[in-house]
């Protein structure tokens, strides 16, 4: 005897509901199958690394759609960079963003992340070092900046001007 994964009801041999999509999950009826679909649809996928989904979305945007990305190669390369090169997904995201937006690298669809890594890692690190240095220098400068609030004036229209 099998047990329904949704309601917990016992199912006689050969009486389980034959679903189209989740064949390995046992359900007793069409109602339980529809509940299963809702559960699967609303389930949040666990990220293997922090900011992983943000990185994948950014890659999809830069490659102009999911169909232009070799996902098998891309996911393996991300795993390599995270585990072997000790980069976080945020670091990978920032290097790609630096290459595209600062250096003006044009993404070519037939090449994966190899067109960006390792070429732009060192220039990105130098760029970030300069930004940190500039932030420290800016903190050392003792300038007081007076800000003047900007008040937007409302223009009143007289009734004669409405027409």
C-alpha atoms as a PDB file:
ATOM      1  CA  UNK A   1       0.000   0.000   0.000  1.00  0.00           C
ATOM      2  CA  UNK A   2       1.115   3.509  -0.845  1.00  0.00           C
ATOM      3  CA  UNK A   3       0.369   6.733   1.004  1.00  0.00           C
ATOM      4  CA  UNK A   4      -0.709   9.958  -0.681  1.00  0.00           C
ATOM      5  CA  UNK A   5       1.994  12.633  -0.354  1.00  0.00           C
ATOM      6  CA  UNK A   6      -0.596  15.405   0.091  1.00  0.00           C
ATOM      7  CA  UNK A   7      -3.422  14.122   2.285  1.00  0.00           C
ATOM      8  CA  UNK A   8      -1.765  11.037   3.816  1.00  0.00           C
ATOM      9  CA  UNK A   9      -4.562   8.671   2.736  1.00  0.00           C
ATOM     10  CA  UNK A  10      -3.690   5.045   2.040  1.00  0.00           C
ATOM     11  CA  UNK A  11      -3.918   4.071  -1.635  1.00  0.00           C
ATOM     12  CA  UNK A  12      -4.559   0.512  -2.788  1.00  0.00           C
ATOM     13  CA  UNK A  13      -2.143  -1.038  -5.254  1.00  0.00           C
ATOM     14  CA  UNK A  14      -2.831   0.216  -8.809  1.00  0.00           C
ATOM     15  CA  UNK A  15      -5.303   2.892  -7.649  1.00  0.00           C
ATOM     16  CA  UNK A  16      -2.937   5.873  -7.462  1.00  0.00           C
ATOM     17  CA  UNK A  17      -3.683   8.904  -9.617  1.00  0.00           C
ATOM     18  CA  UNK A  18      -1.627   8.874 -12.825  1.00  0.00           C
ATOM     19  CA  UNK A  19      -0.255  12.401 -13.063  1.00  0.00           C
ATOM     20  CA  UNK A  20       1.490  13.798 -16.083  1.00  0.00           C
ATOM     21  CA  UNK A  21       4.284  15.831 -14.549  1.00  0.00           C
ATOM     22  CA  UNK A  22       5.374  14.462 -11.168  1.00  0.00           C
ATOM     23  CA  UNK A  23       5.379  10.725 -11.798  1.00  0.00           C
ATOM     24  CA  UNK A  24       7.547   9.840  -8.791  1.00  0.00           C
ATOM     25  CA  UNK A  25       5.282  11.627  -6.297  1.00  0.00           C
ATOM     26  CA  UNK A  26       2.318   9.496  -5.255  1.00  0.00           C
ATOM     27  CA  UNK A  27      -1.081  11.201  -5.025  1.00  0.00           C
ATOM     28  CA  UNK A  28      -4.519   9.682  -4.570  1.00  0.00           C
ATOM     29  CA  UNK A  29      -6.745  11.964  -6.671  1.00  0.00           C
ATOM     30  CA  UNK A  30      -6.871  14.846  -9.116  1.00  0.00           C
ATOM     31  CA  UNK A  31      -7.567  17.280  -6.241  1.00  0.00           C
ATOM     32  CA  UNK A  32      -4.382  16.216  -4.445  1.00  0.00           C
ATOM     33  CA  UNK A  33      -2.483  16.464  -7.746  1.00  0.00           C
ATOM     34  CA  UNK A  34      -3.690  20.062  -8.227  1.00  0.00           C
ATOM     35  CA  UNK A  35      -2.615  20.869  -4.648  1.00  0.00           C
ATOM     36  CA  UNK A  36       0.783  19.358  -5.446  1.00  0.00           C
ATOM     37  CA  UNK A  37       1.122  21.600  -8.513  1.00  0.00           C
ATOM     38  CA  UNK A  38       0.268  24.666  -6.392  1.00  0.00           C
ATOM     39  CA  UNK A  39       2.818  23.656  -3.767  1.00  0.00           C
ATOM     40  CA  UNK A  40       5.521  23.152  -6.391  1.00  0.00           C
ATOM     41  CA  UNK A  41       4.653  26.417  -8.158  1.00  0.00           C
ATOM     42  CA  UNK A  42       4.868  28.475  -4.958  1.00  0.00           C
ATOM     43  CA  UNK A  43       7.972  26.738  -3.595  1.00  0.00           C
ATOM     44  CA  UNK A  44      11.074  28.924  -3.520  1.00  0.00           C
ATOM     45  CA  UNK A  45      14.126  27.201  -4.901  1.00  0.00           C
ATOM     46  CA  UNK A  46      17.027  27.080  -2.506  1.00  0.00           C
ATOM     47  CA  UNK A  47      20.088  28.960  -3.693  1.00  0.00           C
ATOM     48  CA  UNK A  48      23.299  26.923  -3.593  1.00  0.00           C
ATOM     49  CA  UNK A  49      25.233  30.149  -2.864  1.00  0.00           C
ATOM     50  CA  UNK A  50      24.133  33.582  -1.562  1.00  0.00           C
ATOM     51  CA  UNK A  51      22.961  35.929  -4.374  1.00  0.00           C
ATOM     52  CA  UNK A  52      23.042  33.036  -6.859  1.00  0.00           C
ATOM     53  CA  UNK A  53      19.641  33.799  -8.405  1.00  0.00           C
ATOM     54  CA  UNK A  54      20.503  37.502  -8.713  1.00  0.00           C
ATOM     55  CA  UNK A  55      23.654  36.526 -10.616  1.00  0.00           C
ATOM     56  CA  UNK A  56      21.771  34.160 -12.930  1.00  0.00           C
ATOM     57  CA  UNK A  57      19.151  36.840 -13.656  1.00  0.00           C
ATOM     58  CA  UNK A  58      21.886  39.348 -14.485  1.00  0.00           C
ATOM     59  CA  UNK A  59      23.619  36.858 -16.806  1.00  0.00           C
ATOM     60  CA  UNK A  60      20.291  36.178 -18.526  1.00  0.00           C
ATOM     61  CA  UNK A  61      19.778  39.930 -19.005  1.00  0.00           C
ATOM     62  CA  UNK A  62      23.284  40.483 -20.385  1.00  0.00           C
ATOM     63  CA  UNK A  63      22.989  37.580 -22.820  1.00  0.00           C
ATOM     64  CA  UNK A  64      19.580  38.963 -23.938  1.00  0.00           C
ATOM     65  CA  UNK A  65      17.491  36.026 -22.820  1.00  0.00           C
ATOM     66  CA  UNK A  66      17.723  32.567 -21.406  1.00  0.00           C
ATOM     67  CA  UNK A  67      17.910  30.918 -24.829  1.00  0.00           C
ATOM     68  CA  UNK A  68      21.299  32.547 -25.560  1.00  0.00           C
ATOM     69  CA  UNK A  69      23.000  31.176 -22.430  1.00  0.00           C
ATOM     70  CA  UNK A  70      24.682  27.778 -22.248  1.00  0.00           C
ATOM     71  CA  UNK A  71      23.362  27.122 -18.735  1.00  0.00           C
ATOM     72  CA  UNK A  72      25.219  23.857 -18.183  1.00  0.00           C
ATOM     73  CA  UNK A  73      28.585  25.505 -18.876  1.00  0.00           C
ATOM     74  CA  UNK A  74      27.643  28.712 -17.028  1.00  0.00           C
ATOM     75  CA  UNK A  75      26.542  26.937 -13.842  1.00  0.00           C
ATOM     76  CA  UNK A  76      29.692  24.784 -13.841  1.00  0.00           C
ATOM     77  CA  UNK A  77      31.863  27.867 -14.323  1.00  0.00           C
ATOM     78  CA  UNK A  78      30.110  29.704 -11.472  1.00  0.00           C
ATOM     79  CA  UNK A  79      30.612  26.669  -9.238  1.00  0.00           C
ATOM     80  CA  UNK A  80      34.309  26.625 -10.183  1.00  0.00           C
ATOM     81  CA  UNK A  81      34.731  30.342  -9.426  1.00  0.00           C
ATOM     82  CA  UNK A  82      32.933  30.071  -6.090  1.00  0.00           C
ATOM     83  CA  UNK A  83      34.546  26.884  -4.819  1.00  0.00           C
ATOM     84  CA  UNK A  84      38.045  26.947  -6.331  1.00  0.00           C
ATOM     85  CA  UNK A  85      38.741  30.670  -6.763  1.00  0.00           C
ATOM     86  CA  UNK A  86      36.948  31.749  -3.558  1.00  0.00           C
ATOM     87  CA  UNK A  87      34.769  34.318  -5.310  1.00  0.00           C
ATOM     88  CA  UNK A  88      31.251  35.051  -4.117  1.00  0.00           C
ATOM     89  CA  UNK A  89      28.312  35.371  -6.501  1.00  0.00           C
ATOM     90  CA  UNK A  90      28.309  39.083  -5.717  1.00  0.00           C
ATOM     91  CA  UNK A  91      31.980  39.281  -6.816  1.00  0.00           C
ATOM     92  CA  UNK A  92      31.171  37.469 -10.074  1.00  0.00           C
ATOM     93  CA  UNK A  93      28.200  39.793 -10.618  1.00  0.00           C
ATOM     94  CA  UNK A  94      30.381  42.857 -10.030  1.00  0.00           C
ATOM     95  CA  UNK A  95      33.145  41.669 -12.381  1.00  0.00           C
ATOM     96  CA  UNK A  96      30.611  41.091 -15.172  1.00  0.00           C
ATOM     97  CA  UNK A  97      29.035  44.480 -14.474  1.00  0.00           C
ATOM     98  CA  UNK A  98      32.479  46.135 -14.505  1.00  0.00           C
ATOM     99  CA  UNK A  99      33.417  44.465 -17.806  1.00  0.00           C
ATOM    100  CA  UNK A 100      30.169  45.465 -19.508  1.00  0.00           C
ATOM    101  CA  UNK A 101      29.461  48.908 -18.055  1.00  0.00           C
ATOM    102  CA  UNK A 102      32.903  50.337 -17.256  1.00  0.00           C
ATOM    103  CA  UNK A 103      35.164  48.641 -19.801  1.00  0.00           C
ATOM    104  CA  UNK A 104      32.443  48.487 -22.482  1.00  0.00           C
ATOM    105  CA  UNK A 105      32.899  44.776 -23.221  1.00  0.00           C
ATOM    106  CA  UNK A 106      30.396  43.557 -25.775  1.00  0.00           C
ATOM    107  CA  UNK A 107      28.886  40.191 -24.828  1.00  0.00           C
ATOM    108  CA  UNK A 108      29.134  37.593 -27.565  1.00  0.00           C
ATOM    109  CA  UNK A 109      26.493  34.910 -27.216  1.00  0.00           C
ATOM    110  CA  UNK A 110      28.560  31.985 -28.487  1.00  0.00           C
ATOM    111  CA  UNK A 111      31.097  32.473 -25.682  1.00  0.00           C
ATOM    112  CA  UNK A 112      30.262  31.933 -22.048  1.00  0.00           C
ATOM    113  CA  UNK A 113      31.703  33.586 -18.979  1.00  0.00           C
ATOM    114  CA  UNK A 114      35.176  32.732 -20.286  1.00  0.00           C
ATOM    115  CA  UNK A 115      35.116  35.915 -22.348  1.00  0.00           C
ATOM    116  CA  UNK A 116      35.074  37.907 -19.088  1.00  0.00           C
ATOM    117  CA  UNK A 117      36.988  35.682 -16.653  1.00  0.00           C
ATOM    118  CA  UNK A 118      39.900  35.853 -15.806  1.00  0.00           C
ATOM    119  CA  UNK A 119      40.571  38.837 -18.104  1.00  0.00           C
ATOM    120  CA  UNK A 120      38.632  41.403 -16.040  1.00  0.00           C
ATOM    121  CA  UNK A 121      39.266  40.152 -12.497  1.00  0.00           C
ATOM    122  CA  UNK A 122      42.522  42.062 -11.942  1.00  0.00           C
ATOM    123  CA  UNK A 123      41.297  45.351 -13.533  1.00  0.00           C
ATOM    124  CA  UNK A 124      38.137  45.089 -11.402  1.00  0.00           C
ATOM    125  CA  UNK A 125      40.201  44.614  -8.235  1.00  0.00           C
ATOM    126  CA  UNK A 126      42.329  47.670  -9.129  1.00  0.00           C
ATOM    127  CA  UNK A 127      39.168  49.671  -9.835  1.00  0.00           C
ATOM    128  CA  UNK A 128      37.672  48.712  -6.467  1.00  0.00           C
ATOM    129  CA  UNK A 129      40.977  49.532  -4.749  1.00  0.00           C
ATOM    130  CA  UNK A 130      40.889  53.027  -6.269  1.00  0.00           C
ATOM    131  CA  UNK A 131      37.296  53.508  -5.110  1.00  0.00           C
ATOM    132  CA  UNK A 132      38.185  52.461  -1.537  1.00  0.00           C
ATOM    133  CA  UNK A 133      41.218  54.747  -1.590  1.00  0.00           C
ATOM    134  CA  UNK A 134      39.099  57.669  -2.825  1.00  0.00           C
ATOM    135  CA  UNK A 135      36.510  57.029  -0.096  1.00  0.00           C
ATOM    136  CA  UNK A 136      39.242  57.158   2.551  1.00  0.00           C
ATOM    137  CA  UNK A 137      40.659  60.359   1.060  1.00  0.00           C
ATOM    138  CA  UNK A 138      37.212  61.926   0.961  1.00  0.00           C
ATOM    139  CA  UNK A 139      36.733  61.180   4.672  1.00  0.00           C
ATOM    140  CA  UNK A 140      40.021  62.912   5.453  1.00  0.00           C
ATOM    141  CA  UNK A 141      39.072  66.101   3.633  1.00  0.00           C
ATOM    142  CA  UNK A 142      37.502  68.501   6.086  1.00  0.00           C
ATOM    143  CA  UNK A 143      35.098  70.484   3.938  1.00  0.00           C
ATOM    144  CA  UNK A 144      31.735  71.609   5.114  1.00  0.00           C
ATOM    145  CA  UNK A 145      29.109  71.633   2.447  1.00  0.00           C
ATOM    146  CA  UNK A 146      26.091  73.804   2.999  1.00  0.00           C
ATOM    147  CA  UNK A 147      23.005  72.423   1.382  1.00  0.00           C
ATOM    148  CA  UNK A 148      20.142  74.643   0.442  1.00  0.00           C
ATOM    149  CA  UNK A 149      16.750  72.971   0.337  1.00  0.00           C
ATOM    150  CA  UNK A 150      15.001  73.221  -2.998  1.00  0.00           C
ATOM    151  CA  UNK A 151      11.355  74.142  -2.729  1.00  0.00           C
ATOM    152  CA  UNK A 152       9.287  73.549  -5.789  1.00  0.00           C
ATOM    153  CA  UNK A 153       6.799  76.332  -6.223  1.00  0.00           C
ATOM    154  CA  UNK A 154       3.328  75.507  -7.362  1.00  0.00           C
ATOM    155  CA  UNK A 155       2.105  77.519 -10.268  1.00  0.00           C
ATOM    156  CA  UNK A 156      -1.391  78.738  -9.764  1.00  0.00           C
ATOM    157  CA  UNK A 157      -3.535  79.244 -12.784  1.00  0.00           C
ATOM    158  CA  UNK A 158      -6.287  81.786 -12.699  1.00  0.00           C
ATOM    159  CA  UNK A 159      -9.708  80.734 -13.846  1.00  0.00           C
ATOM    160  CA  UNK A 160      -9.497  83.067 -16.845  1.00  0.00           C
ATOM    161  CA  UNK A 161      -6.444  81.171 -18.144  1.00  0.00           C
ATOM    162  CA  UNK A 162      -8.149  77.767 -18.124  1.00  0.00           C
ATOM    163  CA  UNK A 163      -9.664  78.176 -21.563  1.00  0.00           C
END
